[in-house]
């Protein structure tokens, strides 16, 4: 009994913000994506963090590049940033390297 009212208010609120039908399609698409992610056991916290922190990261990255006149080396000029970037690269590359190493150990 609660679901029809939630859907009604969601559609009404989404349409009332900008009076645009495209926003309704976006809402439905994100609802389907959210349902599928929940159904297959994806955690919600990283997605919410990405949606909240993503625009801030983009703004500050652009600001830093404007200040440095487009020079990307500004991100490794200080030792702490170089260490943090190296740690992130290792963290991202390690699963791929371990997977390839295990696969090669089994004979390919």
C-alpha atoms as a PDB file:
ATOM      1  CA  UNK A   1       0.000   0.000   0.000  1.00  0.00           C
ATOM      2  CA  UNK A   2       2.944   2.315   0.563  1.00  0.00           C
ATOM      3  CA  UNK A   3       4.697   1.715  -2.781  1.00  0.00           C
ATOM      4  CA  UNK A   4       2.089   3.450  -4.999  1.00  0.00           C
ATOM      5  CA  UNK A   5       2.279   6.597  -2.871  1.00  0.00           C
ATOM      6  CA  UNK A   6       6.080   6.594  -2.910  1.00  0.00           C
ATOM      7  CA  UNK A   7       6.069   6.256  -6.700  1.00  0.00           C
ATOM      8  CA  UNK A   8       3.406   8.952  -7.072  1.00  0.00           C
ATOM      9  CA  UNK A   9       5.303  11.454  -4.931  1.00  0.00           C
ATOM     10  CA  UNK A  10       8.630  10.576  -6.579  1.00  0.00           C
ATOM     11  CA  UNK A  11       7.278  11.149 -10.079  1.00  0.00           C
ATOM     12  CA  UNK A  12       5.405  14.292  -9.028  1.00  0.00           C
ATOM     13  CA  UNK A  13       8.426  15.774  -7.269  1.00  0.00           C
ATOM     14  CA  UNK A  14      10.771  14.963 -10.118  1.00  0.00           C
ATOM     15  CA  UNK A  15       8.463  16.514 -12.680  1.00  0.00           C
ATOM     16  CA  UNK A  16       7.730  19.547 -10.484  1.00  0.00           C
ATOM     17  CA  UNK A  17      11.390  20.544 -10.224  1.00  0.00           C
ATOM     18  CA  UNK A  18      11.884  21.349 -13.912  1.00  0.00           C
ATOM     19  CA  UNK A  19       8.693  20.263 -15.734  1.00  0.00           C
ATOM     20  CA  UNK A  20      10.803  18.051 -17.972  1.00  0.00           C
ATOM     21  CA  UNK A  21       9.805  14.510 -18.955  1.00  0.00           C
ATOM     22  CA  UNK A  22      13.449  13.590 -19.541  1.00  0.00           C
ATOM     23  CA  UNK A  23      14.024  13.888 -15.780  1.00  0.00           C
ATOM     24  CA  UNK A  24      11.392  11.197 -15.261  1.00  0.00           C
ATOM     25  CA  UNK A  25      13.285   8.875 -17.604  1.00  0.00           C
ATOM     26  CA  UNK A  26      16.516   9.581 -15.741  1.00  0.00           C
ATOM     27  CA  UNK A  27      14.804   8.850 -12.423  1.00  0.00           C
ATOM     28  CA  UNK A  28      13.441   5.537 -13.714  1.00  0.00           C
ATOM     29  CA  UNK A  29      16.836   4.588 -15.193  1.00  0.00           C
ATOM     30  CA  UNK A  30      18.620   5.299 -11.917  1.00  0.00           C
ATOM     31  CA  UNK A  31      15.931   3.378 -10.069  1.00  0.00           C
ATOM     32  CA  UNK A  32      16.490   0.332 -12.287  1.00  0.00           C
ATOM     33  CA  UNK A  33      20.269   0.615 -11.897  1.00  0.00           C
ATOM     34  CA  UNK A  34      19.863   0.937  -8.119  1.00  0.00           C
ATOM     35  CA  UNK A  35      17.606  -2.103  -8.005  1.00  0.00           C
ATOM     36  CA  UNK A  36      20.053  -4.192 -10.045  1.00  0.00           C
ATOM     37  CA  UNK A  37      23.002  -3.114  -7.911  1.00  0.00           C
ATOM     38  CA  UNK A  38      21.097  -3.996  -4.750  1.00  0.00           C
ATOM     39  CA  UNK A  39      19.921  -7.310  -6.200  1.00  0.00           C
ATOM     40  CA  UNK A  40      23.447  -8.399  -7.081  1.00  0.00           C
ATOM     41  CA  UNK A  41      24.931  -7.347  -3.753  1.00  0.00           C
ATOM     42  CA  UNK A  42      26.859  -4.204  -4.623  1.00  0.00           C
ATOM     43  CA  UNK A  43      27.459  -1.964  -1.605  1.00  0.00           C
ATOM     44  CA  UNK A  44      25.710   1.393  -1.639  1.00  0.00           C
ATOM     45  CA  UNK A  45      28.324   3.412   0.286  1.00  0.00           C
ATOM     46  CA  UNK A  46      30.987   3.608  -2.473  1.00  0.00           C
ATOM     47  CA  UNK A  47      28.389   4.702  -5.012  1.00  0.00           C
ATOM     48  CA  UNK A  48      27.051   7.421  -2.721  1.00  0.00           C
ATOM     49  CA  UNK A  49      30.593   8.585  -1.931  1.00  0.00           C
ATOM     50  CA  UNK A  50      31.408   8.723  -5.621  1.00  0.00           C
ATOM     51  CA  UNK A  51      28.283  10.711  -6.420  1.00  0.00           C
ATOM     52  CA  UNK A  52      28.954  13.180  -3.606  1.00  0.00           C
ATOM     53  CA  UNK A  53      32.736  13.543  -3.891  1.00  0.00           C
ATOM     54  CA  UNK A  54      33.001  13.282  -7.686  1.00  0.00           C
ATOM     55  CA  UNK A  55      31.934  16.845  -8.517  1.00  0.00           C
ATOM     56  CA  UNK A  56      34.182  18.243  -5.766  1.00  0.00           C
ATOM     57  CA  UNK A  57      37.144  16.251  -7.071  1.00  0.00           C
ATOM     58  CA  UNK A  58      36.508  17.467 -10.597  1.00  0.00           C
ATOM     59  CA  UNK A  59      36.261  21.100  -9.489  1.00  0.00           C
ATOM     60  CA  UNK A  60      39.446  20.999  -7.427  1.00  0.00           C
ATOM     61  CA  UNK A  61      41.369  19.066 -10.080  1.00  0.00           C
ATOM     62  CA  UNK A  62      40.434  21.689 -12.641  1.00  0.00           C
ATOM     63  CA  UNK A  63      41.397  24.474 -10.205  1.00  0.00           C
ATOM     64  CA  UNK A  64      44.789  22.879  -9.504  1.00  0.00           C
ATOM     65  CA  UNK A  65      45.492  22.488 -13.212  1.00  0.00           C
ATOM     66  CA  UNK A  66      44.542  26.114 -13.866  1.00  0.00           C
ATOM     67  CA  UNK A  67      46.856  27.284 -11.074  1.00  0.00           C
ATOM     68  CA  UNK A  68      49.703  25.146 -12.433  1.00  0.00           C
ATOM     69  CA  UNK A  69      48.973  26.253 -16.026  1.00  0.00           C
ATOM     70  CA  UNK A  70      48.153  22.710 -17.117  1.00  0.00           C
ATOM     71  CA  UNK A  71      51.271  21.096 -15.655  1.00  0.00           C
ATOM     72  CA  UNK A  72      50.344  17.670 -14.254  1.00  0.00           C
ATOM     73  CA  UNK A  73      53.659  17.368 -12.400  1.00  0.00           C
ATOM     74  CA  UNK A  74      52.208  19.558  -9.655  1.00  0.00           C
ATOM     75  CA  UNK A  75      50.660  16.394  -8.230  1.00  0.00           C
ATOM     76  CA  UNK A  76      54.038  14.738  -7.600  1.00  0.00           C
ATOM     77  CA  UNK A  77      56.154  17.731  -6.576  1.00  0.00           C
ATOM     78  CA  UNK A  78      55.637  17.096  -2.862  1.00  0.00           C
ATOM     79  CA  UNK A  79      56.793  13.780  -1.366  1.00  0.00           C
ATOM     80  CA  UNK A  80      53.488  13.033   0.358  1.00  0.00           C
ATOM     81  CA  UNK A  81      51.478  13.364  -2.844  1.00  0.00           C
ATOM     82  CA  UNK A  82      53.966  11.216  -4.737  1.00  0.00           C
ATOM     83  CA  UNK A  83      53.731   8.517  -2.052  1.00  0.00           C
ATOM     84  CA  UNK A  84      49.924   8.650  -2.014  1.00  0.00           C
ATOM     85  CA  UNK A  85      49.698   8.443  -5.811  1.00  0.00           C
ATOM     86  CA  UNK A  86      52.134   5.517  -5.841  1.00  0.00           C
ATOM     87  CA  UNK A  87      50.070   3.753  -3.165  1.00  0.00           C
ATOM     88  CA  UNK A  88      46.891   4.242  -5.200  1.00  0.00           C
ATOM     89  CA  UNK A  89      48.576   2.874  -8.327  1.00  0.00           C
ATOM     90  CA  UNK A  90      49.835  -0.187  -6.433  1.00  0.00           C
ATOM     91  CA  UNK A  91      46.399  -0.690  -4.896  1.00  0.00           C
ATOM     92  CA  UNK A  92      44.754  -0.591  -8.324  1.00  0.00           C
ATOM     93  CA  UNK A  93      47.371  -2.642 -10.179  1.00  0.00           C
ATOM     94  CA  UNK A  94      48.024  -5.357  -7.596  1.00  0.00           C
ATOM     95  CA  UNK A  95      44.837  -7.405  -8.209  1.00  0.00           C
ATOM     96  CA  UNK A  96      45.481  -7.440 -11.960  1.00  0.00           C
ATOM     97  CA  UNK A  97      49.116  -8.449 -11.511  1.00  0.00           C
ATOM     98  CA  UNK A  98      48.227 -11.192  -9.019  1.00  0.00           C
ATOM     99  CA  UNK A  99      45.492 -12.508 -11.310  1.00  0.00           C
ATOM    100  CA  UNK A 100      47.912 -12.650 -14.266  1.00  0.00           C
ATOM    101  CA  UNK A 101      50.604 -14.270 -12.120  1.00  0.00           C
ATOM    102  CA  UNK A 102      48.222 -16.971 -10.849  1.00  0.00           C
ATOM    103  CA  UNK A 103      46.925 -17.594 -14.346  1.00  0.00           C
ATOM    104  CA  UNK A 104      50.457 -17.947 -15.716  1.00  0.00           C
ATOM    105  CA  UNK A 105      51.309 -20.341 -12.872  1.00  0.00           C
ATOM    106  CA  UNK A 106      48.483 -22.672 -13.891  1.00  0.00           C
ATOM    107  CA  UNK A 107      49.779 -22.995 -17.394  1.00  0.00           C
ATOM    108  CA  UNK A 108      47.929 -20.221 -19.083  1.00  0.00           C
END
